[in-house]
Amino acid sequence: MIPVECEFEAEVLAAVVQSRWPERTDPALRAHVAGCVICSDVAAVAGALDGSGEEIRYRAVVPDSGRVWWLAQMRARREAARTAGRPITAAQVLAFACAIGLLGACFGATSTWFQGAMLEWRGVLAAAFTEHAGLTALAVALVLVVPGAVYWIVVRD
């Protein structure tokens, strides 16, 4: 059975990360690594990763603090504008709904063929609503509650 871990694995890893491997480590640990497959793999892989970390650190381009500050200020302003615009958007939606309702009321009041059709269908609609009261209540709840729930979810984000 091939072992999957070794008790000296953490020590070897610490020595490599602290740049003590192999010159400034205990000779007993070096002898163990020479004979242990797991510890030799740890030393090889950790050494490669540690070396590439130094190379990446030297090649990293860090923006100057003024640019970082400016970008943070711009982001804060955008978020503040978005937060301030939410009530305005809600007012616009409400105004649009009122305008559509008023347009519908004007259409219904001035259109004789629409009034005649409504008188014809009034009895049919009243019977349908009374027979299917549960379905009617569900439809009304969906029409009123779902948009409100969606609005509050959007406002919370």
N, C-alpha and C. Protein backbone atom coordinates (compact mmCIF):
# COMPACT_ATOMS: atom_id res chain seq x y z
N MET A 1 0.84 -1.17 0.00
CA MET A 1 0.00 0.00 0.00
C MET A 1 0.89 1.24 0.00
N ILE A 2 0.55 2.19 -0.87
CA ILE A 2 1.33 3.42 -1.00
C ILE A 2 0.79 4.44 0.02
N PRO A 3 1.65 5.02 0.86
CA PRO A 3 1.18 6.01 1.84
C PRO A 3 0.75 7.30 1.13
N VAL A 4 -0.22 7.99 1.71
CA VAL A 4 -0.71 9.22 1.11
C VAL A 4 -0.29 10.45 1.89
N GLU A 5 0.24 10.27 3.07
CA GLU A 5 0.74 11.40 3.83
C GLU A 5 1.90 10.97 4.72
N CYS A 6 2.68 11.95 5.12
CA CYS A 6 3.86 11.68 5.93
C CYS A 6 3.86 12.65 7.10
N GLU A 7 4.41 12.22 8.21
CA GLU A 7 4.41 13.08 9.39
C GLU A 7 5.37 14.25 9.25
N PHE A 8 6.33 14.18 8.35
CA PHE A 8 7.30 15.25 8.14
C PHE A 8 6.91 16.20 7.01
N GLU A 9 5.77 15.97 6.42
CA GLU A 9 5.33 16.76 5.27
C GLU A 9 5.20 18.24 5.62
N ALA A 10 4.64 18.56 6.78
CA ALA A 10 4.46 19.96 7.18
C ALA A 10 5.81 20.62 7.42
N GLU A 11 6.77 19.88 7.98
CA GLU A 11 8.10 20.45 8.23
C GLU A 11 8.81 20.76 6.91
N VAL A 12 8.70 19.87 5.95
CA VAL A 12 9.32 20.10 4.65
C VAL A 12 8.69 21.31 3.96
N LEU A 13 7.38 21.39 4.02
CA LEU A 13 6.68 22.52 3.41
C LEU A 13 7.09 23.83 4.08
N ALA A 14 7.18 23.83 5.41
CA ALA A 14 7.59 25.04 6.12
C ALA A 14 9.01 25.44 5.75
N ALA A 15 9.89 24.47 5.60
CA ALA A 15 11.28 24.78 5.22
C ALA A 15 11.35 25.38 3.83
N VAL A 16 10.56 24.86 2.91
CA VAL A 16 10.57 25.40 1.54
C VAL A 16 9.99 26.80 1.50
N VAL A 17 8.87 27.02 2.19
CA VAL A 17 8.21 28.32 2.18
C VAL A 17 9.08 29.37 2.85
N GLN A 18 9.81 28.99 3.88
CA GLN A 18 10.68 29.93 4.59
C GLN A 18 12.05 30.07 3.93
N SER A 19 12.22 29.50 2.76
CA SER A 19 13.47 29.54 1.98
C SER A 19 14.65 28.96 2.74
N ARG A 20 14.41 27.92 3.52
CA ARG A 20 15.48 27.23 4.24
C ARG A 20 15.88 25.94 3.54
N TRP A 21 15.13 25.53 2.52
CA TRP A 21 15.37 24.23 1.88
C TRP A 21 16.41 24.36 0.80
N PRO A 22 17.32 23.52 0.63
CA PRO A 22 17.81 22.41 1.45
C PRO A 22 19.02 22.79 2.31
N GLU A 23 19.60 23.98 2.09
CA GLU A 23 20.86 24.31 2.75
C GLU A 23 20.73 24.48 4.26
N ARG A 24 19.69 25.15 4.72
CA ARG A 24 19.59 25.48 6.14
C ARG A 24 18.60 24.60 6.88
N THR A 25 18.49 23.36 6.50
CA THR A 25 17.61 22.43 7.21
C THR A 25 18.44 21.35 7.89
N ASP A 26 17.77 20.66 8.77
CA ASP A 26 18.42 19.58 9.52
C ASP A 26 18.84 18.46 8.55
N PRO A 27 20.04 17.92 8.70
CA PRO A 27 20.47 16.83 7.81
C PRO A 27 19.57 15.60 7.90
N ALA A 28 18.97 15.37 9.05
CA ALA A 28 18.06 14.22 9.20
C ALA A 28 16.82 14.42 8.33
N LEU A 29 16.34 15.67 8.26
CA LEU A 29 15.17 15.96 7.42
C LEU A 29 15.53 15.79 5.94
N ARG A 30 16.73 16.25 5.55
CA ARG A 30 17.15 16.06 4.16
C ARG A 30 17.28 14.59 3.81
N ALA A 31 17.77 13.79 4.74
CA ALA A 31 17.90 12.35 4.51
C ALA A 31 16.52 11.71 4.39
N HIS A 32 15.59 12.18 5.21
CA HIS A 32 14.23 11.64 5.13
C HIS A 32 13.61 11.97 3.77
N VAL A 33 13.78 13.21 3.32
CA VAL A 33 13.20 13.62 2.04
C VAL A 33 13.81 12.81 0.89
N ALA A 34 15.08 12.47 0.99
CA ALA A 34 15.72 11.68 -0.06
C ALA A 34 15.10 10.29 -0.17
N GLY A 35 14.59 9.77 0.95
CA GLY A 35 14.02 8.43 0.92
C GLY A 35 12.51 8.39 0.88
N CYS A 36 11.83 9.52 1.11
CA CYS A 36 10.36 9.54 1.18
C CYS A 36 9.81 10.14 -0.11
N VAL A 37 8.94 9.41 -0.77
CA VAL A 37 8.35 9.86 -2.04
C VAL A 37 7.46 11.08 -1.81
N ILE A 38 6.68 11.05 -0.76
CA ILE A 38 5.72 12.14 -0.50
C ILE A 38 6.47 13.43 -0.20
N CYS A 39 7.45 13.37 0.70
CA CYS A 39 8.17 14.58 1.09
C CYS A 39 9.01 15.13 -0.06
N SER A 40 9.55 14.26 -0.91
CA SER A 40 10.32 14.75 -2.06
C SER A 40 9.40 15.45 -3.05
N ASP A 41 8.19 14.93 -3.22
CA ASP A 41 7.21 15.60 -4.09
C ASP A 41 6.80 16.96 -3.51
N VAL A 42 6.60 16.99 -2.20
CA VAL A 42 6.23 18.26 -1.55
C VAL A 42 7.34 19.28 -1.75
N ALA A 43 8.58 18.87 -1.55
CA ALA A 43 9.70 19.80 -1.71
C ALA A 43 9.80 20.30 -3.15
N ALA A 44 9.62 19.42 -4.11
CA ALA A 44 9.73 19.82 -5.52
C ALA A 44 8.60 20.77 -5.92
N VAL A 45 7.38 20.41 -5.57
CA VAL A 45 6.23 21.23 -5.98
C VAL A 45 6.22 22.56 -5.24
N ALA A 46 6.46 22.53 -3.93
CA ALA A 46 6.45 23.78 -3.17
C ALA A 46 7.58 24.69 -3.63
N GLY A 47 8.72 24.13 -3.96
CA GLY A 47 9.82 24.96 -4.46
C GLY A 47 9.47 25.61 -5.78
N ALA A 48 8.82 24.87 -6.66
CA ALA A 48 8.43 25.44 -7.96
C ALA A 48 7.39 26.55 -7.78
N LEU A 49 6.41 26.29 -6.91
CA LEU A 49 5.38 27.30 -6.69
C LEU A 49 5.94 28.52 -5.99
N ASP A 50 6.83 28.32 -5.03
CA ASP A 50 7.41 29.45 -4.32
C ASP A 50 8.27 30.30 -5.27
N GLY A 51 8.99 29.66 -6.15
CA GLY A 51 9.81 30.39 -7.12
C GLY A 51 8.97 31.18 -8.10
N SER A 52 7.86 30.60 -8.54
CA SER A 52 7.00 31.33 -9.47
C SER A 52 6.27 32.46 -8.77
N GLY A 53 6.05 32.32 -7.48
CA GLY A 53 5.41 33.41 -6.72
C GLY A 53 6.29 34.64 -6.67
N GLU A 54 7.58 34.45 -6.51
CA GLU A 54 8.51 35.57 -6.52
C GLU A 54 8.51 36.25 -7.88
N GLU A 55 8.51 35.46 -8.94
CA GLU A 55 8.51 36.02 -10.29
C GLU A 55 7.24 36.81 -10.55
N ILE A 56 6.13 36.29 -10.12
CA ILE A 56 4.85 36.99 -10.32
C ILE A 56 4.83 38.27 -9.49
N ARG A 57 5.36 38.22 -8.30
CA ARG A 57 5.38 39.39 -7.43
C ARG A 57 6.19 40.53 -8.07
N TYR A 58 7.28 40.21 -8.74
CA TYR A 58 8.09 41.24 -9.38
C TYR A 58 7.44 41.79 -10.64
N ARG A 59 6.64 40.98 -11.32
CA ARG A 59 5.99 41.43 -12.55
C ARG A 59 4.64 42.10 -12.31
N ALA A 60 4.14 42.05 -11.10
CA ALA A 60 2.81 42.61 -10.81
C ALA A 60 2.84 44.13 -10.98
N VAL A 61 1.81 44.64 -11.61
CA VAL A 61 1.67 46.07 -11.81
C VAL A 61 0.56 46.55 -10.88
N VAL A 62 0.94 47.30 -9.88
CA VAL A 62 -0.02 47.82 -8.91
C VAL A 62 -0.33 49.26 -9.29
N PRO A 63 -1.62 49.59 -9.44
CA PRO A 63 -1.95 50.97 -9.81
C PRO A 63 -1.61 51.92 -8.66
N ASP A 64 -1.40 53.18 -9.01
CA ASP A 64 -1.07 54.15 -7.97
C ASP A 64 -2.30 54.44 -7.11
N SER A 65 -2.05 54.94 -5.92
CA SER A 65 -3.13 55.11 -4.94
C SER A 65 -4.14 56.15 -5.40
N GLY A 66 -3.71 57.15 -6.14
CA GLY A 66 -4.64 58.17 -6.62
C GLY A 66 -5.68 57.59 -7.57
N ARG A 67 -5.26 56.70 -8.43
CA ARG A 67 -6.19 56.06 -9.36
C ARG A 67 -7.17 55.15 -8.62
N VAL A 68 -6.67 54.42 -7.65
CA VAL A 68 -7.55 53.54 -6.86
C VAL A 68 -8.59 54.37 -6.12
N TRP A 69 -8.15 55.48 -5.53
CA TRP A 69 -9.07 56.37 -4.81
C TRP A 69 -10.11 56.95 -5.76
N TRP A 70 -9.66 57.40 -6.95
CA TRP A 70 -10.58 57.99 -7.92
C TRP A 70 -11.62 56.97 -8.36
N LEU A 71 -11.20 55.73 -8.64
CA LEU A 71 -12.14 54.69 -9.06
C LEU A 71 -13.13 54.38 -7.95
N ALA A 72 -12.66 54.36 -6.70
CA ALA A 72 -13.56 54.12 -5.58
C ALA A 72 -14.58 55.25 -5.45
N GLN A 73 -14.16 56.50 -5.66
CA GLN A 73 -15.07 57.62 -5.60
C GLN A 73 -16.12 57.55 -6.71
N MET A 74 -15.68 57.18 -7.91
CA MET A 74 -16.62 57.06 -9.03
C MET A 74 -17.64 55.96 -8.77
N ARG A 75 -17.17 54.85 -8.23
CA ARG A 75 -18.10 53.76 -7.92
C ARG A 75 -19.10 54.19 -6.86
N ALA A 76 -18.63 54.89 -5.83
CA ALA A 76 -19.54 55.37 -4.78
C ALA A 76 -20.58 56.33 -5.35
N ARG A 77 -20.16 57.19 -6.27
CA ARG A 77 -21.12 58.13 -6.88
C ARG A 77 -22.15 57.40 -7.72
N ARG A 78 -21.70 56.39 -8.48
CA ARG A 78 -22.65 55.62 -9.30
C ARG A 78 -23.66 54.91 -8.42
N GLU A 79 -23.20 54.31 -7.32
CA GLU A 79 -24.11 53.62 -6.42
C GLU A 79 -25.08 54.59 -5.75
N ALA A 80 -24.59 55.78 -5.39
CA ALA A 80 -25.47 56.79 -4.78
C ALA A 80 -26.52 57.26 -5.78
N ALA A 81 -26.11 57.45 -7.03
CA ALA A 81 -27.07 57.87 -8.06
C ALA A 81 -28.11 56.79 -8.30
N ARG A 82 -27.68 55.52 -8.31
CA ARG A 82 -28.62 54.43 -8.50
C ARG A 82 -29.60 54.36 -7.32
N THR A 83 -29.10 54.55 -6.11
CA THR A 83 -29.96 54.52 -4.93
C THR A 83 -30.94 55.69 -4.96
N ALA A 84 -30.48 56.86 -5.36
CA ALA A 84 -31.36 58.03 -5.42
C ALA A 84 -32.39 57.90 -6.52
N GLY A 85 -32.08 57.16 -7.57
CA GLY A 85 -33.01 57.01 -8.69
C GLY A 85 -34.13 56.02 -8.46
N ARG A 86 -34.01 55.18 -7.45
CA ARG A 86 -35.05 54.17 -7.22
C ARG A 86 -36.42 54.78 -6.92
N PRO A 87 -36.55 55.75 -6.02
CA PRO A 87 -37.88 56.34 -5.81
C PRO A 87 -38.41 57.04 -7.05
N ILE A 88 -37.53 57.63 -7.84
CA ILE A 88 -37.96 58.29 -9.07
C ILE A 88 -38.52 57.26 -10.04
N THR A 89 -37.86 56.12 -10.14
CA THR A 89 -38.35 55.05 -11.02
C THR A 89 -39.70 54.55 -10.54
N ALA A 90 -39.86 54.39 -9.24
CA ALA A 90 -41.14 53.95 -8.70
C ALA A 90 -42.24 54.96 -9.00
N ALA A 91 -41.92 56.24 -8.87
CA ALA A 91 -42.91 57.28 -9.18
C ALA A 91 -43.26 57.26 -10.67
N GLN A 92 -42.29 57.03 -11.53
CA GLN A 92 -42.57 56.96 -12.96
C GLN A 92 -43.46 55.77 -13.29
N VAL A 93 -43.21 54.64 -12.66
CA VAL A 93 -44.05 53.46 -12.90
C VAL A 93 -45.47 53.72 -12.43
N LEU A 94 -45.61 54.34 -11.27
CA LEU A 94 -46.94 54.66 -10.76
C LEU A 94 -47.65 55.65 -11.67
N ALA A 95 -46.93 56.66 -12.16
CA ALA A 95 -47.52 57.64 -13.07
C ALA A 95 -47.94 56.98 -14.38
N PHE A 96 -47.12 56.06 -14.88
CA PHE A 96 -47.47 55.35 -16.11
C PHE A 96 -48.73 54.50 -15.90
N ALA A 97 -48.82 53.83 -14.76
CA ALA A 97 -50.01 53.01 -14.47
C ALA A 97 -51.25 53.90 -14.36
N CYS A 98 -51.11 55.06 -13.74
CA CYS A 98 -52.25 55.98 -13.65
C CYS A 98 -52.65 56.50 -15.03
N ALA A 99 -51.68 56.81 -15.87
CA ALA A 99 -51.99 57.29 -17.21
C ALA A 99 -52.70 56.23 -18.03
N ILE A 100 -52.25 54.98 -17.91
CA ILE A 100 -52.93 53.88 -18.63
C ILE A 100 -54.35 53.71 -18.11
N GLY A 101 -54.51 53.79 -16.79
CA GLY A 101 -55.86 53.68 -16.20
C GLY A 101 -56.77 54.81 -16.66
N LEU A 102 -56.25 56.02 -16.70
CA LEU A 102 -57.04 57.16 -17.16
C LEU A 102 -57.37 57.04 -18.64
N LEU A 103 -56.42 56.58 -19.42
CA LEU A 103 -56.68 56.36 -20.83
C LEU A 103 -57.77 55.31 -21.03
N GLY A 104 -57.70 54.24 -20.26
CA GLY A 104 -58.74 53.20 -20.33
C GLY A 104 -60.10 53.72 -19.91
N ALA A 105 -60.15 54.54 -18.86
CA ALA A 105 -61.42 55.11 -18.41
C ALA A 105 -62.01 56.04 -19.45
N CYS A 106 -61.17 56.85 -20.06
CA CYS A 106 -61.65 57.76 -21.12
C CYS A 106 -62.16 56.96 -22.33
N PHE A 107 -61.44 55.92 -22.68
CA PHE A 107 -61.87 55.07 -23.80
C PHE A 107 -63.21 54.41 -23.47
N GLY A 108 -63.31 53.87 -22.26
CA GLY A 108 -64.56 53.22 -21.89
C GLY A 108 -65.74 54.16 -21.81
N ALA A 109 -65.51 55.40 -21.38
CA ALA A 109 -66.60 56.37 -21.23
C ALA A 109 -67.05 56.93 -22.56
N THR A 110 -66.17 57.00 -23.54
CA THR A 110 -66.53 57.64 -24.80
C THR A 110 -66.87 56.65 -25.91
N SER A 111 -66.57 55.40 -25.74
CA SER A 111 -66.81 54.43 -26.79
C SER A 111 -68.15 53.74 -26.57
N THR A 112 -69.09 53.97 -27.51
CA THR A 112 -70.43 53.39 -27.34
C THR A 112 -70.43 51.90 -27.61
N TRP A 113 -69.65 51.43 -28.58
CA TRP A 113 -69.62 49.99 -28.85
C TRP A 113 -69.00 49.24 -27.68
N PHE A 114 -68.03 49.86 -26.99
CA PHE A 114 -67.42 49.21 -25.83
C PHE A 114 -68.42 49.14 -24.68
N GLN A 115 -69.19 50.20 -24.49
CA GLN A 115 -70.20 50.19 -23.43
C GLN A 115 -71.27 49.15 -23.70
N GLY A 116 -71.65 49.01 -24.98
CA GLY A 116 -72.66 48.00 -25.34
C GLY A 116 -72.13 46.59 -25.09
N ALA A 117 -70.87 46.35 -25.45
CA ALA A 117 -70.27 45.04 -25.23
C ALA A 117 -70.16 44.74 -23.74
N MET A 118 -69.86 45.75 -22.96
CA MET A 118 -69.74 45.53 -21.51
C MET A 118 -71.10 45.21 -20.90
N LEU A 119 -72.14 45.86 -21.37
CA LEU A 119 -73.48 45.55 -20.87
C LEU A 119 -73.87 44.12 -21.22
N GLU A 120 -73.49 43.68 -22.41
CA GLU A 120 -73.77 42.30 -22.82
C GLU A 120 -73.03 41.30 -21.96
N TRP A 121 -71.79 41.60 -21.73
CA TRP A 121 -70.94 40.65 -21.02
C TRP A 121 -71.01 40.78 -19.50
N ARG A 122 -71.71 41.79 -18.98
CA ARG A 122 -71.77 41.98 -17.54
C ARG A 122 -72.37 40.77 -16.83
N GLY A 123 -73.43 40.25 -17.36
CA GLY A 123 -74.08 39.09 -16.75
C GLY A 123 -73.18 37.85 -16.82
N VAL A 124 -72.54 37.66 -17.97
CA VAL A 124 -71.66 36.51 -18.13
C VAL A 124 -70.47 36.61 -17.18
N LEU A 125 -69.87 37.79 -17.09
CA LEU A 125 -68.70 37.98 -16.22
C LEU A 125 -69.08 37.83 -14.75
N ALA A 126 -70.25 38.37 -14.36
CA ALA A 126 -70.68 38.26 -12.96
C ALA A 126 -70.89 36.80 -12.59
N ALA A 127 -71.48 36.03 -13.48
CA ALA A 127 -71.69 34.61 -13.21
C ALA A 127 -70.36 33.86 -13.12
N ALA A 128 -69.45 34.21 -14.00
CA ALA A 128 -68.14 33.55 -13.99
C ALA A 128 -67.38 33.88 -12.71
N PHE A 129 -67.46 35.13 -12.28
CA PHE A 129 -66.75 35.50 -11.05
C PHE A 129 -67.34 34.83 -9.82
N THR A 130 -68.63 34.70 -9.77
CA THR A 130 -69.23 34.06 -8.60
C THR A 130 -69.01 32.55 -8.61
N GLU A 131 -69.01 31.95 -9.77
CA GLU A 131 -68.78 30.50 -9.84
C GLU A 131 -67.33 30.15 -9.55
N HIS A 132 -66.43 30.99 -9.96
CA HIS A 132 -65.01 30.72 -9.79
C HIS A 132 -64.37 31.78 -8.89
N ALA A 133 -64.93 31.91 -7.70
CA ALA A 133 -64.46 32.95 -6.78
C ALA A 133 -63.00 32.70 -6.36
N GLY A 134 -62.64 31.45 -6.13
CA GLY A 134 -61.25 31.15 -5.73
C GLY A 134 -60.27 31.49 -6.82
N LEU A 135 -60.61 31.11 -8.04
CA LEU A 135 -59.74 31.42 -9.17
C LEU A 135 -59.65 32.93 -9.40
N THR A 136 -60.78 33.62 -9.22
CA THR A 136 -60.78 35.08 -9.37
C THR A 136 -59.90 35.72 -8.31
N ALA A 137 -60.00 35.26 -7.08
CA ALA A 137 -59.19 35.81 -5.99
C ALA A 137 -57.69 35.55 -6.26
N LEU A 138 -57.38 34.37 -6.78
CA LEU A 138 -56.00 34.05 -7.11
C LEU A 138 -55.48 34.96 -8.22
N ALA A 139 -56.28 35.19 -9.23
CA ALA A 139 -55.87 36.06 -10.33
C ALA A 139 -55.65 37.48 -9.84
N VAL A 140 -56.57 37.98 -9.00
CA VAL A 140 -56.41 39.33 -8.45
C VAL A 140 -55.15 39.40 -7.58
N ALA A 141 -54.91 38.37 -6.77
CA ALA A 141 -53.71 38.35 -5.93
C ALA A 141 -52.45 38.35 -6.79
N LEU A 142 -52.46 37.59 -7.86
CA LEU A 142 -51.29 37.56 -8.74
C LEU A 142 -51.06 38.91 -9.40
N VAL A 143 -52.15 39.55 -9.80
CA VAL A 143 -52.01 40.84 -10.48
C VAL A 143 -51.53 41.91 -9.50
N LEU A 144 -51.92 41.83 -8.25
CA LEU A 144 -51.53 42.85 -7.28
C LEU A 144 -50.28 42.51 -6.48
N VAL A 145 -50.14 41.26 -6.05
CA VAL A 145 -49.08 40.88 -5.13
C VAL A 145 -47.76 40.64 -5.85
N VAL A 146 -47.78 39.96 -6.97
CA VAL A 146 -46.53 39.62 -7.65
C VAL A 146 -45.75 40.86 -8.08
N PRO A 147 -46.36 41.86 -8.71
CA PRO A 147 -45.57 43.06 -9.03
C PRO A 147 -45.02 43.76 -7.77
N GLY A 148 -45.81 43.78 -6.71
CA GLY A 148 -45.32 44.38 -5.46
C GLY A 148 -44.13 43.61 -4.90
N ALA A 149 -44.20 42.29 -4.93
CA ALA A 149 -43.10 41.48 -4.43
C ALA A 149 -41.85 41.67 -5.29
N VAL A 150 -42.03 41.72 -6.58
CA VAL A 150 -40.88 41.94 -7.48
C VAL A 150 -40.28 43.32 -7.21
N TYR A 151 -41.11 44.32 -7.00
CA TYR A 151 -40.60 45.66 -6.72
C TYR A 151 -39.78 45.67 -5.44
N TRP A 152 -40.29 45.04 -4.37
CA TRP A 152 -39.54 45.06 -3.11
C TRP A 152 -38.26 44.26 -3.20
N ILE A 153 -38.23 43.21 -4.00
CA ILE A 153 -36.99 42.46 -4.19
C ILE A 153 -35.97 43.31 -4.94
N VAL A 154 -36.41 44.04 -5.95
CA VAL A 154 -35.51 44.88 -6.72
C VAL A 154 -35.01 46.04 -5.87
N VAL A 155 -35.87 46.62 -5.04
CA VAL A 155 -35.47 47.72 -4.19
C VAL A 155 -34.44 47.26 -3.17
N ARG A 156 -34.61 46.06 -2.65
CA ARG A 156 -33.68 45.56 -1.64
C ARG A 156 -32.29 45.34 -2.21
N ASP A 157 -32.18 44.98 -3.48
CA ASP A 157 -30.87 44.77 -4.11
C ASP A 157 -30.26 46.10 -4.41
